[in-house]
C-alpha cells in the first residue's frame, strides 16, 4: 500500500486509514481486533478513533469503549509502534462527555490522560479537536449556518491560543506528537495556522471533515487550504454512511446496518439522496467495479492531500474498501461521476 506524508510532519502513513467508531456497539472487541489484524496485514498503518466512540448510539455508558478495544489490541500484540494513531477530544454540547463542556486547556488535559490510559499507550500521534467551540456548518448544519451568531474574533482567538499553548505543553511532555482539526472551516483552519505560525503552538497537520461522492463541501474552500498549506484531509464517511455501497437500494434496511439503528442517518436520509446514491452505484456496476471500492478510490484520487477513513462492521466489508488501494479509476468512470454530481450536487 502506498504511503503519504501527513501535512508537513514527516510522518508517513498508509493511503487508507482504519476507522473504529462502531467498535463497542455494533462490533464486539473480538471483531474490532479482527479488523485491525486484517487492515495491518493488508498494509494499513493508520488508525483513527475518538474519546466519544463508539457511536450508534453515543451514550455516557459507552464513551471510551472504542479506545479500550484498541488499547487491548496493543496490550495483546505489542504492536503499538507499527501504528500511527489518531484520536480526538470531544467538543461543546455533547452531554455524554464531561456534560457537554467546551474544549479548554483543562478538558484537553483530562481527555488526553483518559485516552492514553484506555489506549495503553504513552503518546498519541495525531490529537484532534472533534469540532470547534464556536460551532460549524458540519453535521448538516450547513443549511442554517450563521457565523454572525459566533463569539467575537477576539474571544475566538483567545480561546484558540489557550488551547494551542496546552497542546504545545503536551508535545513537550511527549504525550502527543501532532495536532489535527475536525469539522472545521477554511477560516478556522487558517486562523489555527496563523496562530501556530506566531509561535503559540503546534501547526495543524490534518483536518478530518466529511467527504464523499455525495458530500463535496470540501471542494469549495478547504481544498485550496489543503493544497497551499499542506493540511491533509482525513475524509470521514467516504461511503456516505453506507449509501454508496448499494445496501440501501430499493428501500432495503439490512439488519444490523447503521440505518436499522439510526433511521435518519444523521440527517442524510431522504428519498432524493437514496436515488442519487443509486446513480453512483450504477456507474460502478456498469464498469465492473464494486461500488464501495469505486467510492473509496475516487476519494483517494482527488487533487489535494487526502486519506479516506474507512469503517466497516465486518472483515468482508473492510476488504472491499481496502481493495481501493493503488486503484486509478478510468477516465470514463470519472466523467460519469462528474455528470451525476453536476446534476445532483447536494443530496443532503
C-alpha atoms as a PDB file:
ATOM      1  CA  UNK A   1       0.000   0.000   0.000  1.00  0.00           C
ATOM      2  CA  UNK A   2       1.259   3.465  -0.894  1.00  0.00           C
ATOM      3  CA  UNK A   3       2.366   5.887   1.826  1.00  0.00           C
ATOM      4  CA  UNK A   4       1.963   9.636   2.045  1.00  0.00           C
ATOM      5  CA  UNK A   5       3.012  12.365   4.453  1.00  0.00           C
ATOM      6  CA  UNK A   6       0.591  13.880   6.945  1.00  0.00           C
ATOM      7  CA  UNK A   7       0.817  17.624   6.453  1.00  0.00           C
ATOM      8  CA  UNK A   8       4.408  18.752   6.954  1.00  0.00           C
ATOM      9  CA  UNK A   9       5.052  16.397   9.856  1.00  0.00           C
ATOM     10  CA  UNK A  10       7.388  13.945   8.166  1.00  0.00           C
ATOM     11  CA  UNK A  11       5.065  11.176   9.404  1.00  0.00           C
ATOM     12  CA  UNK A  12       4.286   8.709   6.613  1.00  0.00           C
ATOM     13  CA  UNK A  13       1.001   6.805   6.729  1.00  0.00           C
ATOM     14  CA  UNK A  14      -0.842   4.307   4.553  1.00  0.00           C
ATOM     15  CA  UNK A  15      -3.075   5.807   1.872  1.00  0.00           C
ATOM     16  CA  UNK A  16      -6.101   4.409   3.734  1.00  0.00           C
ATOM     17  CA  UNK A  17      -6.900   4.946   7.434  1.00  0.00           C
ATOM     18  CA  UNK A  18      -8.845   2.419   9.517  1.00  0.00           C
ATOM     19  CA  UNK A  19     -11.827   3.916  11.318  1.00  0.00           C
ATOM     20  CA  UNK A  20     -13.188   2.464  14.538  1.00  0.00           C
ATOM     21  CA  UNK A  21     -16.374   4.204  15.626  1.00  0.00           C
ATOM     22  CA  UNK A  22     -18.600   1.098  15.689  1.00  0.00           C
ATOM     23  CA  UNK A  23     -16.318  -0.964  17.916  1.00  0.00           C
ATOM     24  CA  UNK A  24     -18.141  -1.362  21.192  1.00  0.00           C
ATOM     25  CA  UNK A  25     -21.722  -1.057  19.936  1.00  0.00           C
ATOM     26  CA  UNK A  26     -22.239  -2.644  16.515  1.00  0.00           C
ATOM     27  CA  UNK A  27     -18.972  -4.563  16.850  1.00  0.00           C
ATOM     28  CA  UNK A  28     -17.511  -6.615  19.681  1.00  0.00           C
ATOM     29  CA  UNK A  29     -13.953  -6.355  20.940  1.00  0.00           C
ATOM     30  CA  UNK A  30     -13.033  -9.531  19.046  1.00  0.00           C
ATOM     31  CA  UNK A  31     -14.478  -8.118  15.820  1.00  0.00           C
ATOM     32  CA  UNK A  32     -12.580  -4.867  16.289  1.00  0.00           C
ATOM     33  CA  UNK A  33      -9.355  -6.800  16.822  1.00  0.00           C
ATOM     34  CA  UNK A  34     -10.033  -8.870  13.706  1.00  0.00           C
ATOM     35  CA  UNK A  35     -10.451  -5.691  11.657  1.00  0.00           C
ATOM     36  CA  UNK A  36      -7.143  -4.302  12.947  1.00  0.00           C
ATOM     37  CA  UNK A  37      -5.401  -7.579  12.134  1.00  0.00           C
ATOM     38  CA  UNK A  38      -6.786  -7.642   8.597  1.00  0.00           C
ATOM     39  CA  UNK A  39      -6.048  -3.978   7.934  1.00  0.00           C
ATOM     40  CA  UNK A  40      -2.436  -4.264   9.078  1.00  0.00           C
ATOM     41  CA  UNK A  41      -1.988  -7.475   7.105  1.00  0.00           C
ATOM     42  CA  UNK A  42      -3.038  -5.516   4.011  1.00  0.00           C
ATOM     43  CA  UNK A  43      -0.685  -2.620   4.620  1.00  0.00           C
ATOM     44  CA  UNK A  44      -2.662  -0.148   6.727  1.00  0.00           C
ATOM     45  CA  UNK A  45      -0.539   1.718   9.277  1.00  0.00           C
ATOM     46  CA  UNK A  46      -3.012   4.413  10.353  1.00  0.00           C
ATOM     47  CA  UNK A  47      -5.929   4.095  12.825  1.00  0.00           C
ATOM     48  CA  UNK A  48      -8.390   6.821  13.835  1.00  0.00           C
ATOM     49  CA  UNK A  49     -10.560   6.895  16.940  1.00  0.00           C
ATOM     50  CA  UNK A  50     -12.070   9.359  19.447  1.00  0.00           C
ATOM     51  CA  UNK A  51     -12.791   9.521  23.153  1.00  0.00           C
ATOM     52  CA  UNK A  52     -16.557   9.689  22.491  1.00  0.00           C
ATOM     53  CA  UNK A  53     -16.634   6.482  20.423  1.00  0.00           C
ATOM     54  CA  UNK A  54     -18.480   4.173  19.847  1.00  0.00           C
ATOM     55  CA  UNK A  55     -21.488   5.677  18.088  1.00  0.00           C
ATOM     56  CA  UNK A  56     -24.836   4.197  17.023  1.00  0.00           C
ATOM     57  CA  UNK A  57     -25.693   5.325  19.613  1.00  0.00           C
ATOM     58  CA  UNK A  58     -23.400   7.613  21.614  1.00  0.00           C
ATOM     59  CA  UNK A  59     -24.033   7.222  25.336  1.00  0.00           C
ATOM     60  CA  UNK A  60     -22.309   8.085  28.599  1.00  0.00           C
ATOM     61  CA  UNK A  61     -22.153   4.366  29.369  1.00  0.00           C
ATOM     62  CA  UNK A  62     -20.094   3.532  26.279  1.00  0.00           C
ATOM     63  CA  UNK A  63     -17.853   6.621  25.988  1.00  0.00           C
ATOM     64  CA  UNK A  64     -14.245   5.473  25.665  1.00  0.00           C
ATOM     65  CA  UNK A  65     -15.063   1.855  24.872  1.00  0.00           C
ATOM     66  CA  UNK A  66     -13.580   2.020  21.369  1.00  0.00           C
ATOM     67  CA  UNK A  67     -10.286   3.333  22.719  1.00  0.00           C
ATOM     68  CA  UNK A  68     -10.306   0.471  25.226  1.00  0.00           C
ATOM     69  CA  UNK A  69     -10.716  -2.037  22.396  1.00  0.00           C
ATOM     70  CA  UNK A  70      -7.771  -0.562  20.505  1.00  0.00           C
ATOM     71  CA  UNK A  71      -5.781  -0.441  23.727  1.00  0.00           C
ATOM     72  CA  UNK A  72      -6.438  -4.089  24.487  1.00  0.00           C
ATOM     73  CA  UNK A  73      -5.184  -4.951  20.986  1.00  0.00           C
ATOM     74  CA  UNK A  74      -1.968  -3.014  21.638  1.00  0.00           C
ATOM     75  CA  UNK A  75      -1.573  -4.738  25.015  1.00  0.00           C
ATOM     76  CA  UNK A  76      -2.203  -8.168  23.495  1.00  0.00           C
ATOM     77  CA  UNK A  77       0.025  -7.808  20.444  1.00  0.00           C
ATOM     78  CA  UNK A  78       2.735  -5.351  21.465  1.00  0.00           C
ATOM     79  CA  UNK A  79       2.435  -3.721  18.017  1.00  0.00           C
ATOM     80  CA  UNK A  80       1.868  -0.099  19.054  1.00  0.00           C
ATOM     81  CA  UNK A  81       4.959   1.054  17.159  1.00  0.00           C
ATOM     82  CA  UNK A  82       3.500  -0.257  13.871  1.00  0.00           C
ATOM     83  CA  UNK A  83       0.567   2.155  14.008  1.00  0.00           C
ATOM     84  CA  UNK A  84       0.157   5.895  13.546  1.00  0.00           C
ATOM     85  CA  UNK A  85      -2.665   6.575  15.989  1.00  0.00           C
ATOM     86  CA  UNK A  86      -5.112   9.486  15.856  1.00  0.00           C
ATOM     87  CA  UNK A  87      -7.721  10.324  18.477  1.00  0.00           C
ATOM     88  CA  UNK A  88      -9.969  13.272  19.304  1.00  0.00           C
ATOM     89  CA  UNK A  89     -11.139  15.327  22.251  1.00  0.00           C
ATOM     90  CA  UNK A  90     -14.903  15.906  22.265  1.00  0.00           C
ATOM     91  CA  UNK A  91     -16.306  19.397  21.862  1.00  0.00           C
ATOM     92  CA  UNK A  92     -19.040  21.563  23.256  1.00  0.00           C
ATOM     93  CA  UNK A  93     -22.589  20.273  23.539  1.00  0.00           C
ATOM     94  CA  UNK A  94     -22.060  16.508  23.796  1.00  0.00           C
ATOM     95  CA  UNK A  95     -23.682  15.737  27.143  1.00  0.00           C
ATOM     96  CA  UNK A  96     -22.282  12.202  27.222  1.00  0.00           C
ATOM     97  CA  UNK A  97     -18.743  13.568  27.646  1.00  0.00           C
ATOM     98  CA  UNK A  98     -17.962  15.961  30.519  1.00  0.00           C
ATOM     99  CA  UNK A  99     -21.575  17.149  30.439  1.00  0.00           C
ATOM    100  CA  UNK A 100     -21.019  18.938  27.142  1.00  0.00           C
ATOM    101  CA  UNK A 101     -18.188  21.204  28.251  1.00  0.00           C
ATOM    102  CA  UNK A 102     -16.237  23.048  25.541  1.00  0.00           C
ATOM    103  CA  UNK A 103     -12.652  22.277  24.595  1.00  0.00           C
ATOM    104  CA  UNK A 104     -10.460  24.127  27.108  1.00  0.00           C
ATOM    105  CA  UNK A 105      -6.941  23.684  28.497  1.00  0.00           C
ATOM    106  CA  UNK A 106      -8.445  21.747  31.418  1.00  0.00           C
ATOM    107  CA  UNK A 107     -10.664  19.500  29.290  1.00  0.00           C
ATOM    108  CA  UNK A 108      -7.788  18.776  26.895  1.00  0.00           C
ATOM    109  CA  UNK A 109      -5.677  17.616  29.842  1.00  0.00           C
ATOM    110  CA  UNK A 110      -8.487  15.481  31.241  1.00  0.00           C
ATOM    111  CA  UNK A 111      -9.265  13.965  27.849  1.00  0.00           C
ATOM    112  CA  UNK A 112      -5.692  13.117  26.893  1.00  0.00           C
ATOM    113  CA  UNK A 113      -4.998  11.371  30.187  1.00  0.00           C
ATOM    114  CA  UNK A 114      -8.143   9.282  29.791  1.00  0.00           C
ATOM    115  CA  UNK A 115      -7.325   8.387  26.197  1.00  0.00           C
ATOM    116  CA  UNK A 116      -3.739   7.406  26.986  1.00  0.00           C
ATOM    117  CA  UNK A 117      -4.933   5.149  29.787  1.00  0.00           C
ATOM    118  CA  UNK A 118      -7.609   3.449  27.694  1.00  0.00           C
ATOM    119  CA  UNK A 119      -5.322   3.057  24.680  1.00  0.00           C
ATOM    120  CA  UNK A 120      -2.476   1.508  26.696  1.00  0.00           C
ATOM    121  CA  UNK A 121      -0.002   3.945  25.201  1.00  0.00           C
ATOM    122  CA  UNK A 122       2.061   6.873  26.399  1.00  0.00           C
ATOM    123  CA  UNK A 123       1.566   9.013  23.293  1.00  0.00           C
ATOM    124  CA  UNK A 124      -0.926   9.791  20.523  1.00  0.00           C
ATOM    125  CA  UNK A 125       0.492  10.621  17.109  1.00  0.00           C
ATOM    126  CA  UNK A 126      -2.253  12.997  15.943  1.00  0.00           C
ATOM    127  CA  UNK A 127      -4.522  14.627  18.529  1.00  0.00           C
ATOM    128  CA  UNK A 128      -7.606  16.249  17.015  1.00  0.00           C
ATOM    129  CA  UNK A 129     -10.299  18.671  18.152  1.00  0.00           C
ATOM    130  CA  UNK A 130     -13.550  16.900  17.212  1.00  0.00           C
ATOM    131  CA  UNK A 131     -15.428  20.135  16.404  1.00  0.00           C
ATOM    132  CA  UNK A 132     -14.830  23.826  17.150  1.00  0.00           C
ATOM    133  CA  UNK A 133     -16.205  25.559  20.217  1.00  0.00           C
ATOM    134  CA  UNK A 134     -17.681  28.378  18.135  1.00  0.00           C
ATOM    135  CA  UNK A 135     -19.840  25.962  16.095  1.00  0.00           C
ATOM    136  CA  UNK A 136     -19.565  24.872  12.480  1.00  0.00           C
ATOM    137  CA  UNK A 137     -21.522  24.091   9.329  1.00  0.00           C
ATOM    138  CA  UNK A 138     -20.898  20.351   9.592  1.00  0.00           C
ATOM    139  CA  UNK A 139     -23.336  17.623  10.718  1.00  0.00           C
ATOM    140  CA  UNK A 140     -25.980  19.020   8.283  1.00  0.00           C
ATOM    141  CA  UNK A 141     -25.800  22.449   9.956  1.00  0.00           C
ATOM    142  CA  UNK A 142     -24.796  23.992   6.615  1.00  0.00           C
ATOM    143  CA  UNK A 143     -28.444  24.673   5.749  1.00  0.00           C
ATOM    144  CA  UNK A 144     -28.850  27.222   8.540  1.00  0.00           C
ATOM    145  CA  UNK A 145     -25.267  28.202   9.305  1.00  0.00           C
ATOM    146  CA  UNK A 146     -24.909  31.755  10.654  1.00  0.00           C
ATOM    147  CA  UNK A 147     -21.392  32.872  11.567  1.00  0.00           C
ATOM    148  CA  UNK A 148     -22.774  36.167  12.920  1.00  0.00           C
ATOM    149  CA  UNK A 149     -24.013  34.263  15.974  1.00  0.00           C
ATOM    150  CA  UNK A 150     -20.486  33.232  16.932  1.00  0.00           C
ATOM    151  CA  UNK A 151     -18.420  34.971  19.619  1.00  0.00           C
ATOM    152  CA  UNK A 152     -16.215  37.869  18.543  1.00  0.00           C
ATOM    153  CA  UNK A 153     -12.952  37.199  16.728  1.00  0.00           C
ATOM    154  CA  UNK A 154     -11.038  38.358  19.806  1.00  0.00           C
ATOM    155  CA  UNK A 155     -12.809  35.805  22.006  1.00  0.00           C
ATOM    156  CA  UNK A 156     -12.293  33.023  19.460  1.00  0.00           C
ATOM    157  CA  UNK A 157      -8.611  33.909  19.088  1.00  0.00           C
ATOM    158  CA  UNK A 158      -8.004  33.923  22.840  1.00  0.00           C
ATOM    159  CA  UNK A 159      -9.662  30.513  23.080  1.00  0.00           C
ATOM    160  CA  UNK A 160      -7.504  29.143  20.258  1.00  0.00           C
ATOM    161  CA  UNK A 161      -4.292  30.484  21.796  1.00  0.00           C
ATOM    162  CA  UNK A 162      -5.051  28.940  25.191  1.00  0.00           C
ATOM    163  CA  UNK A 163      -5.707  25.565  23.569  1.00  0.00           C
ATOM    164  CA  UNK A 164      -2.601  25.760  21.367  1.00  0.00           C
ATOM    165  CA  UNK A 165      -0.411  26.534  24.357  1.00  0.00           C
ATOM    166  CA  UNK A 166      -1.787  23.475  26.136  1.00  0.00           C
ATOM    167  CA  UNK A 167      -1.111  21.327  23.084  1.00  0.00           C
ATOM    168  CA  UNK A 168       2.445  22.654  22.915  1.00  0.00           C
ATOM    169  CA  UNK A 169       2.967  21.630  26.530  1.00  0.00           C
ATOM    170  CA  UNK A 170       1.641  18.148  25.743  1.00  0.00           C
ATOM    171  CA  UNK A 171       4.062  17.892  22.812  1.00  0.00           C
ATOM    172  CA  UNK A 172       6.915  18.855  25.141  1.00  0.00           C
ATOM    173  CA  UNK A 173       5.763  16.190  27.610  1.00  0.00           C
ATOM    174  CA  UNK A 174       5.742  13.574  24.843  1.00  0.00           C
ATOM    175  CA  UNK A 175       2.019  12.841  25.200  1.00  0.00           C
ATOM    176  CA  UNK A 176       1.060  13.997  21.713  1.00  0.00           C
ATOM    177  CA  UNK A 177       3.150  14.483  18.596  1.00  0.00           C
ATOM    178  CA  UNK A 178       0.978  16.415  16.149  1.00  0.00           C
ATOM    179  CA  UNK A 179      -2.257  18.412  16.046  1.00  0.00           C
ATOM    180  CA  UNK A 180      -5.303  17.987  13.840  1.00  0.00           C
ATOM    181  CA  UNK A 181      -8.718  19.567  13.424  1.00  0.00           C
ATOM    182  CA  UNK A 182     -12.101  18.067  12.626  1.00  0.00           C
ATOM    183  CA  UNK A 183     -15.346  19.526  11.321  1.00  0.00           C
ATOM    184  CA  UNK A 184     -13.590  22.844  10.710  1.00  0.00           C
ATOM    185  CA  UNK A 185     -13.916  25.562   8.093  1.00  0.00           C
ATOM    186  CA  UNK A 186     -11.362  27.274   5.878  1.00  0.00           C
ATOM    187  CA  UNK A 187     -11.414  30.396   8.057  1.00  0.00           C
ATOM    188  CA  UNK A 188     -10.967  28.393  11.240  1.00  0.00           C
ATOM    189  CA  UNK A 189      -8.150  26.334   9.787  1.00  0.00           C
ATOM    190  CA  UNK A 190      -6.251  29.375   8.561  1.00  0.00           C
ATOM    191  CA  UNK A 191      -6.633  31.023  11.979  1.00  0.00           C
ATOM    192  CA  UNK A 192      -5.158  27.969  13.695  1.00  0.00           C
ATOM    193  CA  UNK A 193      -2.331  28.002  11.160  1.00  0.00           C
ATOM    194  CA  UNK A 194      -1.685  31.721  11.657  1.00  0.00           C
ATOM    195  CA  UNK A 195      -1.560  31.444  15.437  1.00  0.00           C
ATOM    196  CA  UNK A 196       0.728  28.427  15.247  1.00  0.00           C
ATOM    197  CA  UNK A 197       2.970  30.397  12.897  1.00  0.00           C
ATOM    198  CA  UNK A 198       3.157  33.137  15.520  1.00  0.00           C
ATOM    199  CA  UNK A 199       4.565  30.611  17.959  1.00  0.00           C
ATOM    200  CA  UNK A 200       1.533  29.777  20.082  1.00  0.00           C
ATOM    201  CA  UNK A 201       1.581  26.023  19.494  1.00  0.00           C
ATOM    202  CA  UNK A 202       1.817  23.135  17.022  1.00  0.00           C
ATOM    203  CA  UNK A 203       0.930  23.564  13.374  1.00  0.00           C
ATOM    204  CA  UNK A 204      -2.243  21.979  12.007  1.00  0.00           C
ATOM    205  CA  UNK A 205      -1.283  18.780  10.190  1.00  0.00           C
ATOM    206  CA  UNK A 206      -4.681  17.318   9.335  1.00  0.00           C
ATOM    207  CA  UNK A 207      -8.362  18.136   9.120  1.00  0.00           C
ATOM    208  CA  UNK A 208     -10.999  15.428   9.480  1.00  0.00           C
ATOM    209  CA  UNK A 209     -14.098  16.515   7.580  1.00  0.00           C
ATOM    210  CA  UNK A 210     -16.880  14.609   5.859  1.00  0.00           C
ATOM    211  CA  UNK A 211     -16.112  13.947   2.206  1.00  0.00           C
ATOM    212  CA  UNK A 212     -17.588  11.597  -0.363  1.00  0.00           C
ATOM    213  CA  UNK A 213     -19.186  11.474  -3.796  1.00  0.00           C
ATOM    214  CA  UNK A 214     -22.307  12.818  -2.099  1.00  0.00           C
ATOM    215  CA  UNK A 215     -20.737  15.411   0.206  1.00  0.00           C
ATOM    216  CA  UNK A 216     -18.253  17.677  -1.559  1.00  0.00           C
ATOM    217  CA  UNK A 217     -18.315  20.869   0.513  1.00  0.00           C
ATOM    218  CA  UNK A 218     -14.552  20.475   0.977  1.00  0.00           C
ATOM    219  CA  UNK A 219     -14.004  21.154  -2.739  1.00  0.00           C
ATOM    220  CA  UNK A 220     -15.248  24.730  -2.442  1.00  0.00           C
ATOM    221  CA  UNK A 221     -12.762  26.254   0.002  1.00  0.00           C
ATOM    222  CA  UNK A 222     -10.924  23.765   2.189  1.00  0.00           C
ATOM    223  CA  UNK A 223      -9.280  22.041  -0.778  1.00  0.00           C
ATOM    224  CA  UNK A 224      -7.377  25.249  -1.519  1.00  0.00           C
ATOM    225  CA  UNK A 225      -6.166  25.413   2.082  1.00  0.00           C
ATOM    226  CA  UNK A 226      -5.123  21.776   1.910  1.00  0.00           C
ATOM    227  CA  UNK A 227      -3.073  22.288  -1.241  1.00  0.00           C
ATOM    228  CA  UNK A 228      -1.320  25.535  -0.333  1.00  0.00           C
ATOM    229  CA  UNK A 229      -0.903  24.951   3.412  1.00  0.00           C
ATOM    230  CA  UNK A 230      -0.140  21.212   3.278  1.00  0.00           C
ATOM    231  CA  UNK A 231      -3.042  20.198   5.508  1.00  0.00           C
ATOM    232  CA  UNK A 232      -4.117  16.613   4.848  1.00  0.00           C
ATOM    233  CA  UNK A 233      -7.828  15.820   4.687  1.00  0.00           C
ATOM    234  CA  UNK A 234      -8.805  12.750   6.675  1.00  0.00           C
ATOM    235  CA  UNK A 235     -12.050  12.077   4.842  1.00  0.00           C
ATOM    236  CA  UNK A 236     -14.702  10.584   7.086  1.00  0.00           C
ATOM    237  CA  UNK A 237     -17.854   8.897   5.792  1.00  0.00           C
ATOM    238  CA  UNK A 238     -16.413   8.301   2.299  1.00  0.00           C
ATOM    239  CA  UNK A 239     -19.302   5.890   1.672  1.00  0.00           C
ATOM    240  CA  UNK A 240     -21.935   8.438   2.788  1.00  0.00           C
ATOM    241  CA  UNK A 241     -22.850   6.305   5.819  1.00  0.00           C
ATOM    242  CA  UNK A 242     -23.168   3.244   3.614  1.00  0.00           C
ATOM    243  CA  UNK A 243     -25.437   4.743   0.956  1.00  0.00           C
ATOM    244  CA  UNK A 244     -22.740   4.376  -1.697  1.00  0.00           C
ATOM    245  CA  UNK A 245     -22.386   0.656  -1.002  1.00  0.00           C
ATOM    246  CA  UNK A 246     -25.791  -0.024  -2.544  1.00  0.00           C
ATOM    247  CA  UNK A 247     -27.023  -1.837   0.544  1.00  0.00           C
ATOM    248  CA  UNK A 248     -29.966   0.553   0.983  1.00  0.00           C
ATOM    249  CA  UNK A 249     -31.126   0.327  -2.644  1.00  0.00           C
ATOM    250  CA  UNK A 250     -34.830  -0.221  -3.117  1.00  0.00           C
ATOM    251  CA  UNK A 251     -35.584   0.906   0.417  1.00  0.00           C
ATOM    252  CA  UNK A 252     -33.719  -2.004   1.992  1.00  0.00           C
ATOM    253  CA  UNK A 253     -32.733  -1.712   5.648  1.00  0.00           C
ATOM    254  CA  UNK A 254     -30.381  -4.627   6.379  1.00  0.00           C
ATOM    255  CA  UNK A 255     -30.463  -5.958   9.918  1.00  0.00           C
ATOM    256  CA  UNK A 256     -27.546  -4.594  11.929  1.00  0.00           C
ATOM    257  CA  UNK A 257     -26.875  -1.766   9.466  1.00  0.00           C
ATOM    258  CA  UNK A 258     -26.487   1.806  10.633  1.00  0.00           C
ATOM    259  CA  UNK A 259     -29.887   2.690   9.177  1.00  0.00           C
ATOM    260  CA  UNK A 260     -31.517  -0.049  11.236  1.00  0.00           C
ATOM    261  CA  UNK A 261     -30.221   1.724  14.358  1.00  0.00           C
ATOM    262  CA  UNK A 262     -30.210   5.408  13.340  1.00  0.00           C
ATOM    263  CA  UNK A 263     -33.035   5.715  10.826  1.00  0.00           C
ATOM    264  CA  UNK A 264     -32.308   9.286   9.717  1.00  0.00           C
ATOM    265  CA  UNK A 265     -28.593   8.577   9.150  1.00  0.00           C
ATOM    266  CA  UNK A 266     -27.524  11.815  10.764  1.00  0.00           C
ATOM    267  CA  UNK A 267     -29.825  13.949   8.626  1.00  0.00           C
ATOM    268  CA  UNK A 268     -28.832  12.303   5.349  1.00  0.00           C
ATOM    269  CA  UNK A 269     -31.879  10.072   4.902  1.00  0.00           C
ATOM    270  CA  UNK A 270     -34.239  11.322   2.205  1.00  0.00           C
ATOM    271  CA  UNK A 271     -35.685   9.775  -0.946  1.00  0.00           C
ATOM    272  CA  UNK A 272     -33.639  12.008  -3.229  1.00  0.00           C
ATOM    273  CA  UNK A 273     -30.362  11.040  -1.556  1.00  0.00           C
ATOM    274  CA  UNK A 274     -31.038   7.329  -1.911  1.00  0.00           C
ATOM    275  CA  UNK A 275     -31.928   7.779  -5.583  1.00  0.00           C
ATOM    276  CA  UNK A 276     -28.713   9.708  -6.222  1.00  0.00           C
ATOM    277  CA  UNK A 277     -26.654   7.107  -4.372  1.00  0.00           C
ATOM    278  CA  UNK A 278     -28.100   4.506  -6.720  1.00  0.00           C
ATOM    279  CA  UNK A 279     -26.844   6.520  -9.709  1.00  0.00           C
ATOM    280  CA  UNK A 280     -23.298   6.247  -8.393  1.00  0.00           C
ATOM    281  CA  UNK A 281     -23.775   2.562  -7.610  1.00  0.00           C
ATOM    282  CA  UNK A 282     -24.938   2.010 -11.204  1.00  0.00           C
ATOM    283  CA  UNK A 283     -21.787   3.700 -12.556  1.00  0.00           C
ATOM    284  CA  UNK A 284     -19.640   1.276 -10.582  1.00  0.00           C
ATOM    285  CA  UNK A 285     -21.551  -1.823 -11.598  1.00  0.00           C
ATOM    286  CA  UNK A 286     -21.584  -0.908 -15.288  1.00  0.00           C
ATOM    287  CA  UNK A 287     -17.803  -0.511 -15.080  1.00  0.00           C
ATOM    288  CA  UNK A 288     -17.401  -3.895 -13.385  1.00  0.00           C
ATOM    289  CA  UNK A 289     -16.379  -2.306 -10.090  1.00  0.00           C
ATOM    290  CA  UNK A 290     -17.648  -2.842  -6.584  1.00  0.00           C
ATOM    291  CA  UNK A 291     -19.482   0.366  -5.571  1.00  0.00           C
ATOM    292  CA  UNK A 292     -17.580   0.506  -2.273  1.00  0.00           C
ATOM    293  CA  UNK A 293     -14.213   0.178  -3.960  1.00  0.00           C
ATOM    294  CA  UNK A 294     -15.084   2.833  -6.542  1.00  0.00           C
ATOM    295  CA  UNK A 295     -16.246   5.333  -3.919  1.00  0.00           C
ATOM    296  CA  UNK A 296     -13.068   4.940  -1.859  1.00  0.00           C
ATOM    297  CA  UNK A 297     -10.804   5.063  -4.918  1.00  0.00           C
ATOM    298  CA  UNK A 298     -12.498   8.266  -6.069  1.00  0.00           C
ATOM    299  CA  UNK A 299     -11.720   9.976  -2.745  1.00  0.00           C
ATOM    300  CA  UNK A 300      -8.106   8.811  -2.905  1.00  0.00           C
ATOM    301  CA  UNK A 301      -7.722  10.292  -6.384  1.00  0.00           C
ATOM    302  CA  UNK A 302      -8.782  13.836  -5.532  1.00  0.00           C
ATOM    303  CA  UNK A 303      -6.350  16.677  -6.354  1.00  0.00           C
ATOM    304  CA  UNK A 304      -5.439  17.605  -2.782  1.00  0.00           C
ATOM    305  CA  UNK A 305      -3.787  15.788   0.146  1.00  0.00           C
ATOM    306  CA  UNK A 306      -6.324  13.216   1.353  1.00  0.00           C
ATOM    307  CA  UNK A 307      -6.585   9.927   3.234  1.00  0.00           C
ATOM    308  CA  UNK A 308     -10.028   8.267   3.440  1.00  0.00           C
ATOM    309  CA  UNK A 309     -11.080   6.831   6.795  1.00  0.00           C
ATOM    310  CA  UNK A 310     -12.829   3.540   6.153  1.00  0.00           C
ATOM    311  CA  UNK A 311     -15.282   1.973   8.567  1.00  0.00           C
ATOM    312  CA  UNK A 312     -16.843  -1.460   8.467  1.00  0.00           C
ATOM    313  CA  UNK A 313     -18.836  -3.809  10.642  1.00  0.00           C
ATOM    314  CA  UNK A 314     -17.257  -6.929   9.147  1.00  0.00           C
ATOM    315  CA  UNK A 315     -13.919  -8.002   7.734  1.00  0.00           C
ATOM    316  CA  UNK A 316     -15.663  -8.727   4.431  1.00  0.00           C
ATOM    317  CA  UNK A 317     -16.870  -5.124   4.189  1.00  0.00           C
ATOM    318  CA  UNK A 318     -13.413  -3.919   5.167  1.00  0.00           C
ATOM    319  CA  UNK A 319     -11.808  -5.846   2.329  1.00  0.00           C
ATOM    320  CA  UNK A 320     -13.971  -4.082  -0.266  1.00  0.00           C
ATOM    321  CA  UNK A 321     -12.680  -0.710   0.910  1.00  0.00           C
ATOM    322  CA  UNK A 322      -9.087  -1.921   1.108  1.00  0.00           C
ATOM    323  CA  UNK A 323      -9.339  -3.138  -2.484  1.00  0.00           C
ATOM    324  CA  UNK A 324      -9.215   0.535  -3.499  1.00  0.00           C
ATOM    325  CA  UNK A 325      -5.533   0.740  -2.542  1.00  0.00           C
ATOM    326  CA  UNK A 326      -3.489   1.750  -5.559  1.00  0.00           C
ATOM    327  CA  UNK A 327      -6.542   1.924  -7.825  1.00  0.00           C
ATOM    328  CA  UNK A 328      -6.824   4.586 -10.535  1.00  0.00           C
ATOM    329  CA  UNK A 329     -10.350   4.966 -11.872  1.00  0.00           C
ATOM    330  CA  UNK A 330     -10.795   5.016 -15.676  1.00  0.00           C
ATOM    331  CA  UNK A 331     -11.469   8.376 -17.323  1.00  0.00           C
ATOM    332  CA  UNK A 332     -14.925   7.283 -18.443  1.00  0.00           C
ATOM    333  CA  UNK A 333     -15.887   6.412 -14.861  1.00  0.00           C
ATOM    334  CA  UNK A 334     -14.668   9.790 -13.605  1.00  0.00           C
ATOM    335  CA  UNK A 335     -16.622  11.539 -16.355  1.00  0.00           C
ATOM    336  CA  UNK A 336     -19.801   9.652 -15.452  1.00  0.00           C
ATOM    337  CA  UNK A 337     -19.317  10.579 -11.797  1.00  0.00           C
ATOM    338  CA  UNK A 338     -18.996  14.266 -12.683  1.00  0.00           C
ATOM    339  CA  UNK A 339     -22.170  14.164 -14.759  1.00  0.00           C
ATOM    340  CA  UNK A 340     -24.132  12.891 -11.766  1.00  0.00           C
ATOM    341  CA  UNK A 341     -22.500  15.433  -9.466  1.00  0.00           C
ATOM    342  CA  UNK A 342     -23.321  18.351 -11.762  1.00  0.00           C
ATOM    343  CA  UNK A 343     -26.958  17.253 -11.939  1.00  0.00           C
ATOM    344  CA  UNK A 344     -27.289  16.480  -8.219  1.00  0.00           C
ATOM    345  CA  UNK A 345     -24.624  18.415  -6.266  1.00  0.00           C
ATOM    346  CA  UNK A 346     -26.012  18.368  -2.708  1.00  0.00           C
ATOM    347  CA  UNK A 347     -28.174  15.320  -1.978  1.00  0.00           C
ATOM    348  CA  UNK A 348     -28.370  16.018   1.768  1.00  0.00           C
END
